[in-house]
Amino acid sequence: MAYQGLKKSDAAIAAFQRAVGLDPQDAAIHFNLGMLLAARDNGRGHRQLEAAERITPSALEAHRELALLLERPATRTRSRRASQANRLEIE
């Protein structure tokens, strides 16, 4: 979190990625990493926010941020493509 406050997002992302490796069941780590990644790459941020949501389904902040991320045009396009790919794999 200190890196975030210092505007050192590369270092913050690296620290959160290491933290996920140490404690993959910590929803707060996934959430914070997802927020940082979403500012750069909707897809990577989306995956981390979904992980936070899966780990702690009652975390309203993760639901809200994921919904806001999904409203972004680039995310909608990627989500649509992913849904289509999943349907093709199922069929």
PDB file of N, CA and C in Angstrom:
ATOM      1  N   MET A   1       0.819  -1.194   0.000  1.00  0.00           N
ATOM      2  CA  MET A   1       0.000   0.000   0.000  1.00  0.00           C
ATOM      3  C   MET A   1       0.866   1.262   0.000  1.00  0.00           C
ATOM      4  N   ALA A   2       2.034   1.181   0.613  1.00  0.00           N
ATOM      5  CA  ALA A   2       2.896   2.362   0.656  1.00  0.00           C
ATOM      6  C   ALA A   2       3.310   2.780  -0.750  1.00  0.00           C
ATOM      7  N   TYR A   3       3.564   1.792  -1.608  1.00  0.00           N
ATOM      8  CA  TYR A   3       3.938   2.118  -2.986  1.00  0.00           C
ATOM      9  C   TYR A   3       2.822   2.857  -3.699  1.00  0.00           C
ATOM     10  N   GLN A   4       1.583   2.453  -3.426  1.00  0.00           N
ATOM     11  CA  GLN A   4       0.450   3.125  -4.054  1.00  0.00           C
ATOM     12  C   GLN A   4       0.441   4.595  -3.683  1.00  0.00           C
ATOM     13  N   GLY A   5       0.641   4.882  -2.415  1.00  0.00           N
ATOM     14  CA  GLY A   5       0.629   6.255  -1.941  1.00  0.00           C
ATOM     15  C   GLY A   5       1.766   7.081  -2.525  1.00  0.00           C
ATOM     16  N   LEU A   6       2.869   6.424  -2.865  1.00  0.00           N
ATOM     17  CA  LEU A   6       4.014   7.121  -3.436  1.00  0.00           C
ATOM     18  C   LEU A   6       3.948   7.191  -4.962  1.00  0.00           C
ATOM     19  N   LYS A   7       2.856   6.728  -5.532  1.00  0.00           N
ATOM     20  CA  LYS A   7       2.662   6.730  -6.988  1.00  0.00           C
ATOM     21  C   LYS A   7       3.704   5.859  -7.694  1.00  0.00           C
ATOM     22  N   LYS A   8       4.091   4.768  -7.066  1.00  0.00           N
ATOM     23  CA  LYS A   8       5.033   3.821  -7.661  1.00  0.00           C
ATOM     24  C   LYS A   8       4.246   2.558  -8.002  1.00  0.00           C
ATOM     25  N   SER A   9       3.426   2.655  -9.026  1.00  0.00           N
ATOM     26  CA  SER A   9       2.516   1.554  -9.316  1.00  0.00           C
ATOM     27  C   SER A   9       3.229   0.290  -9.779  1.00  0.00           C
ATOM     28  N   ASP A  10       4.343   0.400 -10.499  1.00  0.00           N
ATOM     29  CA  ASP A  10       5.070  -0.805 -10.912  1.00  0.00           C
ATOM     30  C   ASP A  10       5.546  -1.587  -9.695  1.00  0.00           C
ATOM     31  N   ALA A  11       6.086  -0.880  -8.726  1.00  0.00           N
ATOM     32  CA  ALA A  11       6.571  -1.528  -7.503  1.00  0.00           C
ATOM     33  C   ALA A  11       5.401  -2.086  -6.704  1.00  0.00           C
ATOM     34  N   ALA A  12       4.294  -1.370  -6.678  1.00  0.00           N
ATOM     35  CA  ALA A  12       3.111  -1.843  -5.947  1.00  0.00           C
ATOM     36  C   ALA A  12       2.557  -3.110  -6.592  1.00  0.00           C
ATOM     37  N   ILE A  13       2.487  -3.117  -7.922  1.00  0.00           N
ATOM     38  CA  ILE A  13       1.988  -4.307  -8.622  1.00  0.00           C
ATOM     39  C   ILE A  13       2.894  -5.497  -8.322  1.00  0.00           C
ATOM     40  N   ALA A  14       4.192  -5.291  -8.407  1.00  0.00           N
ATOM     41  CA  ALA A  14       5.133  -6.379  -8.121  1.00  0.00           C
ATOM     42  C   ALA A  14       4.975  -6.889  -6.688  1.00  0.00           C
ATOM     43  N   ALA A  15       4.801  -5.982  -5.740  1.00  0.00           N
ATOM     44  CA  ALA A  15       4.635  -6.379  -4.337  1.00  0.00           C
ATOM     45  C   ALA A  15       3.342  -7.171  -4.137  1.00  0.00           C
ATOM     46  N   PHE A  16       2.253  -6.716  -4.756  1.00  0.00           N
ATOM     47  CA  PHE A  16       0.985  -7.444  -4.623  1.00  0.00           C
ATOM     48  C   PHE A  16       1.041  -8.792  -5.321  1.00  0.00           C
ATOM     49  N   GLN A  17       1.744  -8.884  -6.444  1.00  0.00           N
ATOM     50  CA  GLN A  17       1.888 -10.174  -7.122  1.00  0.00           C
ATOM     51  C   GLN A  17       2.660 -11.156  -6.245  1.00  0.00           C
ATOM     52  N   ARG A  18       3.710 -10.679  -5.576  1.00  0.00           N
ATOM     53  CA  ARG A  18       4.435 -11.540  -4.633  1.00  0.00           C
ATOM     54  C   ARG A  18       3.516 -11.950  -3.485  1.00  0.00           C
ATOM     55  N   ALA A  19       2.718 -11.012  -2.999  1.00  0.00           N
ATOM     56  CA  ALA A  19       1.811 -11.298  -1.885  1.00  0.00           C
ATOM     57  C   ALA A  19       0.767 -12.340  -2.280  1.00  0.00           C
ATOM     58  N   VAL A  20       0.258 -12.263  -3.509  1.00  0.00           N
ATOM     59  CA  VAL A  20      -0.708 -13.270  -3.981  1.00  0.00           C
ATOM     60  C   VAL A  20      -0.058 -14.648  -3.955  1.00  0.00           C
ATOM     61  N   GLY A  21       1.210 -14.712  -4.351  1.00  0.00           N
ATOM     62  CA  GLY A  21       1.920 -15.990  -4.314  1.00  0.00           C
ATOM     63  C   GLY A  21       2.074 -16.537  -2.911  1.00  0.00           C
ATOM     64  N   LEU A  22       2.221 -15.653  -1.949  1.00  0.00           N
ATOM     65  CA  LEU A  22       2.378 -16.063  -0.550  1.00  0.00           C
ATOM     66  C   LEU A  22       1.052 -16.427   0.102  1.00  0.00           C
ATOM     67  N   ASP A  23      -0.012 -15.722  -0.276  1.00  0.00           N
ATOM     68  CA  ASP A  23      -1.323 -15.965   0.332  1.00  0.00           C
ATOM     69  C   ASP A  23      -2.419 -15.818  -0.723  1.00  0.00           C
ATOM     70  N   PRO A  24      -2.591 -16.846  -1.558  1.00  0.00           N
ATOM     71  CA  PRO A  24      -3.548 -16.749  -2.663  1.00  0.00           C
ATOM     72  C   PRO A  24      -5.017 -16.667  -2.223  1.00  0.00           C
ATOM     73  N   GLN A  25      -5.296 -16.901  -0.965  1.00  0.00           N
ATOM     74  CA  GLN A  25      -6.679 -16.848  -0.483  1.00  0.00           C
ATOM     75  C   GLN A  25      -7.023 -15.531   0.217  1.00  0.00           C
ATOM     76  N   ASP A  26      -6.167 -14.543   0.093  1.00  0.00           N
ATOM     77  CA  ASP A  26      -6.421 -13.238   0.702  1.00  0.00           C
ATOM     78  C   ASP A  26      -7.121 -12.339  -0.311  1.00  0.00           C
ATOM     79  N   ALA A  27      -8.403 -12.112  -0.097  1.00  0.00           N
ATOM     80  CA  ALA A  27      -9.208 -11.324  -1.033  1.00  0.00           C
ATOM     81  C   ALA A  27      -8.723  -9.884  -1.136  1.00  0.00           C
ATOM     82  N   ALA A  28      -8.237  -9.324  -0.045  1.00  0.00           N
ATOM     83  CA  ALA A  28      -7.776  -7.929  -0.063  1.00  0.00           C
ATOM     84  C   ALA A  28      -6.568  -7.757  -0.983  1.00  0.00           C
ATOM     85  N   ILE A  29      -5.694  -8.747  -1.005  1.00  0.00           N
ATOM     86  CA  ILE A  29      -4.530  -8.677  -1.896  1.00  0.00           C
ATOM     87  C   ILE A  29      -4.998  -8.698  -3.348  1.00  0.00           C
ATOM     88  N   HIS A  30      -5.894  -9.619  -3.676  1.00  0.00           N
ATOM     89  CA  HIS A  30      -6.423  -9.698  -5.037  1.00  0.00           C
ATOM     90  C   HIS A  30      -7.147  -8.408  -5.411  1.00  0.00           C
ATOM     91  N   PHE A  31      -7.904  -7.866  -4.469  1.00  0.00           N
ATOM     92  CA  PHE A  31      -8.644  -6.638  -4.744  1.00  0.00           C
ATOM     93  C   PHE A  31      -7.687  -5.488  -5.056  1.00  0.00           C
ATOM     94  N   ASN A  32      -6.692  -5.287  -4.207  1.00  0.00           N
ATOM     95  CA  ASN A  32      -5.745  -4.189  -4.417  1.00  0.00           C
ATOM     96  C   ASN A  32      -4.953  -4.366  -5.705  1.00  0.00           C
ATOM     97  N   LEU A  33      -4.529  -5.590  -5.977  1.00  0.00           N
ATOM     98  CA  LEU A  33      -3.824  -5.856  -7.223  1.00  0.00           C
ATOM     99  C   LEU A  33      -4.749  -5.607  -8.410  1.00  0.00           C
ATOM    100  N   GLY A  34      -5.988  -6.040  -8.287  1.00  0.00           N
ATOM    101  CA  GLY A  34      -6.962  -5.811  -9.355  1.00  0.00           C
ATOM    102  C   GLY A  34      -7.195  -4.342  -9.638  1.00  0.00           C
ATOM    103  N   MET A  35      -7.264  -3.543  -8.611  1.00  0.00           N
ATOM    104  CA  MET A  35      -7.465  -2.103  -8.799  1.00  0.00           C
ATOM    105  C   MET A  35      -6.277  -1.476  -9.518  1.00  0.00           C
ATOM    106  N   LEU A  36      -5.084  -1.871  -9.135  1.00  0.00           N
ATOM    107  CA  LEU A  36      -3.887  -1.345  -9.801  1.00  0.00           C
ATOM    108  C   LEU A  36      -3.829  -1.787 -11.258  1.00  0.00           C
ATOM    109  N   LEU A  37      -4.082  -3.058 -11.493  1.00  0.00           N
ATOM    110  CA  LEU A  37      -4.013  -3.579 -12.858  1.00  0.00           C
ATOM    111  C   LEU A  37      -5.114  -3.016 -13.744  1.00  0.00           C
ATOM    112  N   ALA A  38      -6.286  -2.790 -13.173  1.00  0.00           N
ATOM    113  CA  ALA A  38      -7.417  -2.282 -13.957  1.00  0.00           C
ATOM    114  C   ALA A  38      -7.115  -0.904 -14.541  1.00  0.00           C
ATOM    115  N   ALA A  39      -6.273  -0.159 -13.881  1.00  0.00           N
ATOM    116  CA  ALA A  39      -5.913   1.163 -14.394  1.00  0.00           C
ATOM    117  C   ALA A  39      -5.086   1.048 -15.676  1.00  0.00           C
ATOM    118  N   ARG A  40      -4.488  -0.106 -15.895  1.00  0.00           N
ATOM    119  CA  ARG A  40      -3.628  -0.324 -17.063  1.00  0.00           C
ATOM    120  C   ARG A  40      -4.216  -1.330 -18.052  1.00  0.00           C
ATOM    121  N   ASP A  41      -4.774  -2.396 -17.512  1.00  0.00           N
ATOM    122  CA  ASP A  41      -5.198  -3.523 -18.345  1.00  0.00           C
ATOM    123  C   ASP A  41      -6.479  -4.101 -17.758  1.00  0.00           C
ATOM    124  N   ASN A  42      -7.588  -3.807 -18.409  1.00  0.00           N
ATOM    125  CA  ASN A  42      -8.879  -4.246 -17.883  1.00  0.00           C
ATOM    126  C   ASN A  42      -8.938  -5.750 -17.635  1.00  0.00           C
ATOM    127  N   GLY A  43      -8.379  -6.528 -18.544  1.00  0.00           N
ATOM    128  CA  GLY A  43      -8.464  -7.985 -18.423  1.00  0.00           C
ATOM    129  C   GLY A  43      -7.760  -8.520 -17.202  1.00  0.00           C
ATOM    130  N   ARG A  44      -6.546  -8.067 -16.973  1.00  0.00           N
ATOM    131  CA  ARG A  44      -5.798  -8.533 -15.807  1.00  0.00           C
ATOM    132  C   ARG A  44      -6.439  -8.043 -14.520  1.00  0.00           C
ATOM    133  N   GLY A  45      -6.914  -6.811 -14.516  1.00  0.00           N
ATOM    134  CA  GLY A  45      -7.606  -6.295 -13.337  1.00  0.00           C
ATOM    135  C   GLY A  45      -8.885  -7.060 -13.069  1.00  0.00           C
ATOM    136  N   HIS A  46      -9.587  -7.374 -14.139  1.00  0.00           N
ATOM    137  CA  HIS A  46     -10.839  -8.128 -14.056  1.00  0.00           C
ATOM    138  C   HIS A  46     -10.618  -9.472 -13.373  1.00  0.00           C
ATOM    139  N   ARG A  47      -9.567 -10.187 -13.774  1.00  0.00           N
ATOM    140  CA  ARG A  47      -9.292 -11.502 -13.186  1.00  0.00           C
ATOM    141  C   ARG A  47      -9.015 -11.403 -11.689  1.00  0.00           C
ATOM    142  N   GLN A  48      -8.272 -10.386 -11.283  1.00  0.00           N
ATOM    143  CA  GLN A  48      -7.961 -10.238  -9.858  1.00  0.00           C
ATOM    144  C   GLN A  48      -9.198  -9.848  -9.052  1.00  0.00           C
ATOM    145  N   LEU A  49     -10.022  -8.969  -9.612  1.00  0.00           N
ATOM    146  CA  LEU A  49     -11.252  -8.590  -8.905  1.00  0.00           C
ATOM    147  C   LEU A  49     -12.204  -9.770  -8.808  1.00  0.00           C
ATOM    148  N   GLU A  50     -12.262 -10.593  -9.843  1.00  0.00           N
ATOM    149  CA  GLU A  50     -13.090 -11.800  -9.773  1.00  0.00           C
ATOM    150  C   GLU A  50     -12.570 -12.748  -8.699  1.00  0.00           C
ATOM    151  N   ALA A  51     -11.261 -12.858  -8.580  1.00  0.00           N
ATOM    152  CA  ALA A  51     -10.684 -13.713  -7.539  1.00  0.00           C
ATOM    153  C   ALA A  51     -11.077 -13.198  -6.154  1.00  0.00           C
ATOM    154  N   ALA A  52     -11.003 -11.892  -5.954  1.00  0.00           N
ATOM    155  CA  ALA A  52     -11.404 -11.305  -4.668  1.00  0.00           C
ATOM    156  C   ALA A  52     -12.874 -11.601  -4.383  1.00  0.00           C
ATOM    157  N   GLU A  53     -13.681 -11.499  -5.408  1.00  0.00           N
ATOM    158  CA  GLU A  53     -15.120 -11.750  -5.280  1.00  0.00           C
ATOM    159  C   GLU A  53     -15.387 -13.219  -4.931  1.00  0.00           C
ATOM    160  N   ARG A  54     -14.665 -14.140  -5.558  1.00  0.00           N
ATOM    161  CA  ARG A  54     -14.837 -15.573  -5.282  1.00  0.00           C
ATOM    162  C   ARG A  54     -14.427 -15.909  -3.851  1.00  0.00           C
ATOM    163  N   ILE A  55     -13.320 -15.328  -3.410  1.00  0.00           N
ATOM    164  CA  ILE A  55     -12.804 -15.635  -2.080  1.00  0.00           C
ATOM    165  C   ILE A  55     -13.729 -15.092  -0.993  1.00  0.00           C
ATOM    166  N   THR A  56     -14.212 -13.868  -1.187  1.00  0.00           N
ATOM    167  CA  THR A  56     -15.101 -13.237  -0.205  1.00  0.00           C
ATOM    168  C   THR A  56     -16.338 -12.707  -0.934  1.00  0.00           C
ATOM    169  N   PRO A  57     -17.330 -13.578  -1.172  1.00  0.00           N
ATOM    170  CA  PRO A  57     -18.518 -13.166  -1.925  1.00  0.00           C
ATOM    171  C   PRO A  57     -19.294 -12.012  -1.290  1.00  0.00           C
ATOM    172  N   SER A  58     -19.132 -11.806  -0.004  1.00  0.00           N
ATOM    173  CA  SER A  58     -19.869 -10.733   0.664  1.00  0.00           C
ATOM    174  C   SER A  58     -19.176  -9.371   0.556  1.00  0.00           C
ATOM    175  N   ALA A  59     -18.016  -9.313  -0.089  1.00  0.00           N
ATOM    176  CA  ALA A  59     -17.273  -8.058  -0.210  1.00  0.00           C
ATOM    177  C   ALA A  59     -17.909  -7.176  -1.278  1.00  0.00           C
ATOM    178  N   LEU A  60     -18.713  -6.237  -0.839  1.00  0.00           N
ATOM    179  CA  LEU A  60     -19.446  -5.377  -1.772  1.00  0.00           C
ATOM    180  C   LEU A  60     -18.529  -4.516  -2.618  1.00  0.00           C
ATOM    181  N   GLU A  61     -17.408  -4.096  -2.080  1.00  0.00           N
ATOM    182  CA  GLU A  61     -16.490  -3.235  -2.827  1.00  0.00           C
ATOM    183  C   GLU A  61     -15.951  -3.965  -4.064  1.00  0.00           C
ATOM    184  N   ALA A  62     -15.649  -5.248  -3.924  1.00  0.00           N
ATOM    185  CA  ALA A  62     -15.166  -6.022  -5.073  1.00  0.00           C
ATOM    186  C   ALA A  62     -16.252  -6.135  -6.131  1.00  0.00           C
ATOM    187  N   HIS A  63     -17.490  -6.367  -5.716  1.00  0.00           N
ATOM    188  CA  HIS A  63     -18.616  -6.439  -6.664  1.00  0.00           C
ATOM    189  C   HIS A  63     -18.769  -5.110  -7.406  1.00  0.00           C
ATOM    190  N   ARG A  64     -18.726  -4.027  -6.651  1.00  0.00           N
ATOM    191  CA  ARG A  64     -18.913  -2.706  -7.250  1.00  0.00           C
ATOM    192  C   ARG A  64     -17.816  -2.381  -8.257  1.00  0.00           C
ATOM    193  N   GLU A  65     -16.579  -2.586  -7.869  1.00  0.00           N
ATOM    194  CA  GLU A  65     -15.466  -2.266  -8.759  1.00  0.00           C
ATOM    195  C   GLU A  65     -15.460  -3.160  -9.990  1.00  0.00           C
ATOM    196  N   LEU A  66     -15.839  -4.410  -9.820  1.00  0.00           N
ATOM    197  CA  LEU A  66     -15.922  -5.312 -10.966  1.00  0.00           C
ATOM    198  C   LEU A  66     -17.016  -4.849 -11.918  1.00  0.00           C
ATOM    199  N   ALA A  67     -18.153  -4.433 -11.382  1.00  0.00           N
ATOM    200  CA  ALA A  67     -19.238  -3.918 -12.227  1.00  0.00           C
ATOM    201  C   ALA A  67     -18.801  -2.659 -12.971  1.00  0.00           C
ATOM    202  N   LEU A  68     -18.116  -1.775 -12.277  1.00  0.00           N
ATOM    203  CA  LEU A  68     -17.630  -0.552 -12.933  1.00  0.00           C
ATOM    204  C   LEU A  68     -16.618  -0.880 -14.026  1.00  0.00           C
ATOM    205  N   LEU A  69     -15.775  -1.836 -13.757  1.00  0.00           N
ATOM    206  CA  LEU A  69     -14.788  -2.246 -14.753  1.00  0.00           C
ATOM    207  C   LEU A  69     -15.477  -2.846 -15.981  1.00  0.00           C
ATOM    208  N   LEU A  70     -16.515  -3.625 -15.741  1.00  0.00           N
ATOM    209  CA  LEU A  70     -17.229  -4.257 -16.852  1.00  0.00           C
ATOM    210  C   LEU A  70     -18.010  -3.257 -17.694  1.00  0.00           C
ATOM    211  N   GLU A  71     -18.255  -2.074 -17.148  1.00  0.00           N
ATOM    212  CA  GLU A  71     -18.941  -1.038 -17.924  1.00  0.00           C
ATOM    213  C   GLU A  71     -18.019  -0.368 -18.931  1.00  0.00           C
ATOM    214  N   ARG A  72     -16.720  -0.515 -18.760  1.00  0.00           N
ATOM    215  CA  ARG A  72     -15.765   0.099 -19.690  1.00  0.00           C
ATOM    216  C   ARG A  72     -15.897  -0.580 -21.056  1.00  0.00           C
ATOM    217  N   PRO A  73     -15.900   0.188 -22.124  1.00  0.00           N
ATOM    218  CA  PRO A  73     -16.073  -0.391 -23.462  1.00  0.00           C
ATOM    219  C   PRO A  73     -15.087  -1.501 -23.808  1.00  0.00           C
ATOM    220  N   ALA A  74     -13.816  -1.335 -23.503  1.00  0.00           N
ATOM    221  CA  ALA A  74     -12.828  -2.363 -23.838  1.00  0.00           C
ATOM    222  C   ALA A  74     -13.110  -3.655 -23.090  1.00  0.00           C
ATOM    223  N   THR A  75     -13.570  -3.545 -21.860  1.00  0.00           N
ATOM    224  CA  THR A  75     -13.865  -4.736 -21.065  1.00  0.00           C
ATOM    225  C   THR A  75     -15.074  -5.455 -21.615  1.00  0.00           C
ATOM    226  N   ARG A  76     -16.084  -4.693 -22.036  1.00  0.00           N
ATOM    227  CA  ARG A  76     -17.275  -5.335 -22.596  1.00  0.00           C
ATOM    228  C   ARG A  76     -16.916  -6.138 -23.828  1.00  0.00           C
ATOM    229  N   THR A  77     -16.062  -5.604 -24.675  1.00  0.00           N
ATOM    230  CA  THR A  77     -15.658  -6.321 -25.886  1.00  0.00           C
ATOM    231  C   THR A  77     -14.920  -7.593 -25.522  1.00  0.00           C
ATOM    232  N   ARG A  78     -13.972  -7.499 -24.593  1.00  0.00           N
ATOM    233  CA  ARG A  78     -13.225  -8.688 -24.174  1.00  0.00           C
ATOM    234  C   ARG A  78     -14.146  -9.699 -23.519  1.00  0.00           C
ATOM    235  N   SER A  79     -15.073  -9.236 -22.679  1.00  0.00           N
ATOM    236  CA  SER A  79     -15.986 -10.146 -21.995  1.00  0.00           C
ATOM    237  C   SER A  79     -16.862 -10.874 -23.003  1.00  0.00           C
ATOM    238  N   ARG A  80     -17.320 -10.146 -24.009  1.00  0.00           N
ATOM    239  CA  ARG A  80     -18.139 -10.762 -25.040  1.00  0.00           C
ATOM    240  C   ARG A  80     -17.349 -11.835 -25.777  1.00  0.00           C
ATOM    241  N   ARG A  81     -16.110 -11.527 -26.136  1.00  0.00           N
ATOM    242  CA  ARG A  81     -15.257 -12.506 -26.825  1.00  0.00           C
ATOM    243  C   ARG A  81     -15.009 -13.720 -25.950  1.00  0.00           C
ATOM    244  N   ALA A  82     -14.751 -13.513 -24.670  1.00  0.00           N
ATOM    245  CA  ALA A  82     -14.510 -14.624 -23.753  1.00  0.00           C
ATOM    246  C   ALA A  82     -15.753 -15.492 -23.627  1.00  0.00           C
ATOM    247  N   SER A  83     -16.912 -14.875 -23.561  1.00  0.00           N
ATOM    248  CA  SER A  83     -18.165 -15.637 -23.475  1.00  0.00           C
ATOM    249  C   SER A  83     -18.370 -16.471 -24.727  1.00  0.00           C
ATOM    250  N   GLN A  84     -18.086 -15.880 -25.882  1.00  0.00           N
ATOM    251  CA  GLN A  84     -18.228 -16.607 -27.133  1.00  0.00           C
ATOM    252  C   GLN A  84     -17.247 -17.776 -27.182  1.00  0.00           C
ATOM    253  N   ALA A  85     -16.022 -17.557 -26.751  1.00  0.00           N
ATOM    254  CA  ALA A  85     -15.024 -18.631 -26.745  1.00  0.00           C
ATOM    255  C   ALA A  85     -15.440 -19.745 -25.804  1.00  0.00           C
ATOM    256  N   ASN A  86     -15.975 -19.391 -24.641  1.00  0.00           N
ATOM    257  CA  ASN A  86     -16.434 -20.404 -23.690  1.00  0.00           C
ATOM    258  C   ASN A  86     -17.570 -21.227 -24.263  1.00  0.00           C
ATOM    259  N   ARG A  87     -18.490 -20.562 -24.966  1.00  0.00           N
ATOM    260  CA  ARG A  87     -19.606 -21.289 -25.584  1.00  0.00           C
ATOM    261  C   ARG A  87     -19.100 -22.259 -26.633  1.00  0.00           C
ATOM    262  N   LEU A  88     -18.102 -21.844 -27.415  1.00  0.00           N
ATOM    263  CA  LEU A  88     -17.556 -22.706 -28.455  1.00  0.00           C
ATOM    264  C   LEU A  88     -16.876 -23.935 -27.826  1.00  0.00           C
ATOM    265  N   GLU A  89     -16.189 -23.737 -26.700  1.00  0.00           N
ATOM    266  CA  GLU A  89     -15.541 -24.864 -26.026  1.00  0.00           C
ATOM    267  C   GLU A  89     -16.566 -25.842 -25.482  1.00  0.00           C
ATOM    268  N   ILE A  90     -17.704 -25.337 -25.017  1.00  0.00           N
ATOM    269  CA  ILE A  90     -18.740 -26.175 -24.436  1.00  0.00           C
ATOM    270  C   ILE A  90     -19.439 -27.006 -25.505  1.00  0.00           C
ATOM    271  N   GLU A  91     -19.647 -26.397 -26.654  1.00  0.00           N
ATOM    272  CA  GLU A  91     -20.376 -27.077 -27.735  1.00  0.00           C
ATOM    273  C   GLU A  91     -19.588 -28.151 -28.340  1.00  0.00           C
TER     274      GLU A  91
END
